[in-house]
Amino acid sequence: MRNFNGFIDFTTENVSKIAYDASVPLRQGNFHPAMNIISDDVAKISYSLTISLLRQYHEWCARGEK
């Protein structure tokens, strides 16, 4: 990839926004309780994606492919 640092920064930022957008507004509204479960699941998935991307980035750097 050409600008992997830029890509990982952009992706990580967007995944974090997804987790925030999915979890905070739902908790502030008057939603069915099932929505809170969905919200938590989306936040956990977003967090997992962020960690996975960061691990891949560190592996990529360790191989010397900067």
N, C-alpha and C. Protein backbone atom coordinates (compact mmCIF):
# COMPACT_ATOMS: atom_id res chain seq x y z
N MET A 1 0.84 -1.18 0.00
CA MET A 1 0.00 0.00 0.00
C MET A 1 0.88 1.24 0.00
N ARG A 2 0.37 2.24 -0.60
CA ARG A 2 1.18 3.45 -0.72
C ARG A 2 1.36 4.17 0.61
N ASN A 3 0.35 4.68 1.18
CA ASN A 3 0.47 5.44 2.43
C ASN A 3 -0.23 4.67 3.54
N PHE A 4 0.43 3.63 4.03
CA PHE A 4 -0.21 2.77 5.02
C PHE A 4 -0.45 3.50 6.32
N ASN A 5 0.47 4.38 6.75
CA ASN A 5 0.26 5.15 7.97
C ASN A 5 -1.01 5.99 7.88
N GLY A 6 -1.18 6.67 6.77
CA GLY A 6 -2.39 7.46 6.58
C GLY A 6 -3.63 6.60 6.57
N PHE A 7 -3.52 5.45 5.94
CA PHE A 7 -4.65 4.52 5.89
C PHE A 7 -5.03 4.04 7.28
N ILE A 8 -4.04 3.63 8.06
CA ILE A 8 -4.35 3.08 9.39
C ILE A 8 -4.90 4.17 10.30
N ASP A 9 -4.37 5.38 10.21
CA ASP A 9 -4.90 6.48 11.02
C ASP A 9 -6.35 6.77 10.66
N PHE A 10 -6.62 6.86 9.38
CA PHE A 10 -7.98 7.14 8.91
C PHE A 10 -8.94 6.04 9.33
N THR A 11 -8.54 4.79 9.12
CA THR A 11 -9.40 3.66 9.45
C THR A 11 -9.66 3.57 10.94
N THR A 12 -8.61 3.73 11.74
CA THR A 12 -8.76 3.65 13.19
C THR A 12 -9.69 4.74 13.69
N GLU A 13 -9.52 5.94 13.17
CA GLU A 13 -10.37 7.06 13.57
C GLU A 13 -11.83 6.77 13.22
N ASN A 14 -12.06 6.24 12.03
CA ASN A 14 -13.43 5.97 11.62
C ASN A 14 -14.06 4.83 12.40
N VAL A 15 -13.27 3.80 12.73
CA VAL A 15 -13.81 2.69 13.52
C VAL A 15 -14.16 3.19 14.91
N SER A 16 -13.34 4.06 15.47
CA SER A 16 -13.65 4.62 16.78
C SER A 16 -14.93 5.44 16.74
N LYS A 17 -15.12 6.20 15.66
CA LYS A 17 -16.35 6.98 15.51
C LYS A 17 -17.57 6.06 15.41
N ILE A 18 -17.41 4.94 14.71
CA ILE A 18 -18.52 3.98 14.60
C ILE A 18 -18.90 3.48 15.98
N ALA A 19 -17.91 3.11 16.78
CA ALA A 19 -18.18 2.61 18.13
C ALA A 19 -18.89 3.68 18.97
N TYR A 20 -18.40 4.91 18.88
CA TYR A 20 -19.01 6.00 19.65
C TYR A 20 -20.44 6.27 19.17
N ASP A 21 -20.60 6.41 17.87
CA ASP A 21 -21.92 6.71 17.30
C ASP A 21 -22.92 5.61 17.61
N ALA A 22 -22.45 4.38 17.67
CA ALA A 22 -23.36 3.26 17.91
C ALA A 22 -23.75 3.13 19.37
N SER A 23 -22.87 3.50 20.28
CA SER A 23 -23.14 3.22 21.69
C SER A 23 -23.73 4.39 22.46
N VAL A 24 -23.25 5.59 22.25
CA VAL A 24 -23.68 6.71 23.08
C VAL A 24 -25.11 7.17 22.78
N PRO A 25 -25.47 7.48 21.54
CA PRO A 25 -26.82 8.00 21.30
C PRO A 25 -27.92 7.02 21.69
N LEU A 26 -27.69 5.73 21.50
CA LEU A 26 -28.72 4.76 21.84
C LEU A 26 -28.99 4.73 23.33
N ARG A 27 -27.98 4.95 24.13
CA ARG A 27 -28.14 4.92 25.58
C ARG A 27 -28.86 6.18 26.09
N GLN A 28 -28.85 7.23 25.34
CA GLN A 28 -29.46 8.48 25.78
C GLN A 28 -30.93 8.57 25.41
N GLY A 29 -31.38 7.74 24.48
CA GLY A 29 -32.76 7.80 24.03
C GLY A 29 -33.64 6.81 24.76
N ASN A 30 -34.91 6.84 24.40
CA ASN A 30 -35.88 5.92 24.99
C ASN A 30 -36.11 4.79 24.00
N PHE A 31 -35.17 3.85 23.96
CA PHE A 31 -35.23 2.75 23.01
C PHE A 31 -35.61 1.46 23.71
N HIS A 32 -36.01 0.51 22.92
CA HIS A 32 -36.28 -0.83 23.43
C HIS A 32 -34.97 -1.39 24.02
N PRO A 33 -35.04 -2.14 25.14
CA PRO A 33 -33.81 -2.66 25.76
C PRO A 33 -32.93 -3.47 24.81
N ALA A 34 -33.51 -4.10 23.82
CA ALA A 34 -32.71 -4.87 22.86
C ALA A 34 -31.73 -3.97 22.11
N MET A 35 -32.05 -2.70 21.96
CA MET A 35 -31.16 -1.78 21.26
C MET A 35 -29.85 -1.60 22.02
N ASN A 36 -29.91 -1.67 23.36
CA ASN A 36 -28.67 -1.55 24.14
C ASN A 36 -27.75 -2.73 23.89
N ILE A 37 -28.31 -3.92 23.72
CA ILE A 37 -27.50 -5.10 23.42
C ILE A 37 -26.84 -4.94 22.05
N ILE A 38 -27.62 -4.49 21.08
CA ILE A 38 -27.08 -4.26 19.74
C ILE A 38 -25.96 -3.22 19.80
N SER A 39 -26.20 -2.17 20.57
CA SER A 39 -25.21 -1.11 20.72
C SER A 39 -23.90 -1.65 21.29
N ASP A 40 -23.98 -2.43 22.35
CA ASP A 40 -22.78 -3.01 22.95
C ASP A 40 -22.05 -3.90 21.96
N ASP A 41 -22.80 -4.70 21.22
CA ASP A 41 -22.17 -5.59 20.24
C ASP A 41 -21.43 -4.80 19.17
N VAL A 42 -22.05 -3.75 18.68
CA VAL A 42 -21.40 -2.93 17.65
C VAL A 42 -20.14 -2.28 18.21
N ALA A 43 -20.20 -1.80 19.43
CA ALA A 43 -19.02 -1.19 20.05
C ALA A 43 -17.90 -2.21 20.21
N LYS A 44 -18.24 -3.43 20.63
CA LYS A 44 -17.22 -4.47 20.80
C LYS A 44 -16.60 -4.86 19.46
N ILE A 45 -17.42 -4.96 18.44
CA ILE A 45 -16.91 -5.30 17.10
C ILE A 45 -15.99 -4.19 16.59
N SER A 46 -16.39 -2.95 16.78
CA SER A 46 -15.57 -1.83 16.34
C SER A 46 -14.23 -1.80 17.07
N TYR A 47 -14.27 -2.06 18.36
CA TYR A 47 -13.03 -2.11 19.14
C TYR A 47 -12.13 -3.23 18.64
N SER A 48 -12.72 -4.39 18.40
CA SER A 48 -11.94 -5.54 17.91
C SER A 48 -11.30 -5.24 16.56
N LEU A 49 -12.04 -4.56 15.68
CA LEU A 49 -11.48 -4.19 14.39
C LEU A 49 -10.30 -3.23 14.55
N THR A 50 -10.42 -2.29 15.46
CA THR A 50 -9.33 -1.34 15.70
C THR A 50 -8.08 -2.07 16.17
N ILE A 51 -8.24 -2.96 17.14
CA ILE A 51 -7.10 -3.71 17.66
C ILE A 51 -6.47 -4.57 16.56
N SER A 52 -7.31 -5.21 15.77
CA SER A 52 -6.81 -6.05 14.68
C SER A 52 -6.00 -5.24 13.68
N LEU A 53 -6.51 -4.07 13.31
CA LEU A 53 -5.79 -3.22 12.37
C LEU A 53 -4.46 -2.76 12.94
N LEU A 54 -4.43 -2.42 14.22
CA LEU A 54 -3.17 -2.00 14.84
C LEU A 54 -2.17 -3.14 14.89
N ARG A 55 -2.62 -4.35 15.16
CA ARG A 55 -1.72 -5.51 15.16
C ARG A 55 -1.14 -5.73 13.77
N GLN A 56 -1.99 -5.63 12.76
CA GLN A 56 -1.52 -5.81 11.39
C GLN A 56 -0.50 -4.74 11.04
N TYR A 57 -0.74 -3.53 11.48
CA TYR A 57 0.20 -2.44 11.22
C TYR A 57 1.56 -2.72 11.85
N HIS A 58 1.56 -3.17 13.11
CA HIS A 58 2.82 -3.46 13.79
C HIS A 58 3.55 -4.62 13.13
N GLU A 59 2.83 -5.64 12.69
CA GLU A 59 3.45 -6.75 11.97
C GLU A 59 4.05 -6.26 10.65
N TRP A 60 3.33 -5.40 9.98
CA TRP A 60 3.79 -4.84 8.71
C TRP A 60 5.07 -4.05 8.91
N CYS A 61 5.12 -3.24 9.98
CA CYS A 61 6.32 -2.45 10.28
C CYS A 61 7.49 -3.36 10.65
N ALA A 62 7.22 -4.42 11.38
CA ALA A 62 8.28 -5.33 11.82
C ALA A 62 8.95 -6.03 10.64
N ARG A 63 8.23 -6.19 9.56
CA ARG A 63 8.80 -6.82 8.37
C ARG A 63 9.67 -5.85 7.58
N GLY A 64 9.67 -4.59 7.97
CA GLY A 64 10.50 -3.61 7.30
C GLY A 64 9.95 -3.14 5.97
N GLU A 65 8.64 -3.13 5.83
CA GLU A 65 8.02 -2.73 4.57
C GLU A 65 7.52 -1.30 4.60
N LYS A 66 8.23 -0.45 5.31
CA LYS A 66 7.80 0.95 5.42
C LYS A 66 7.97 1.66 4.10
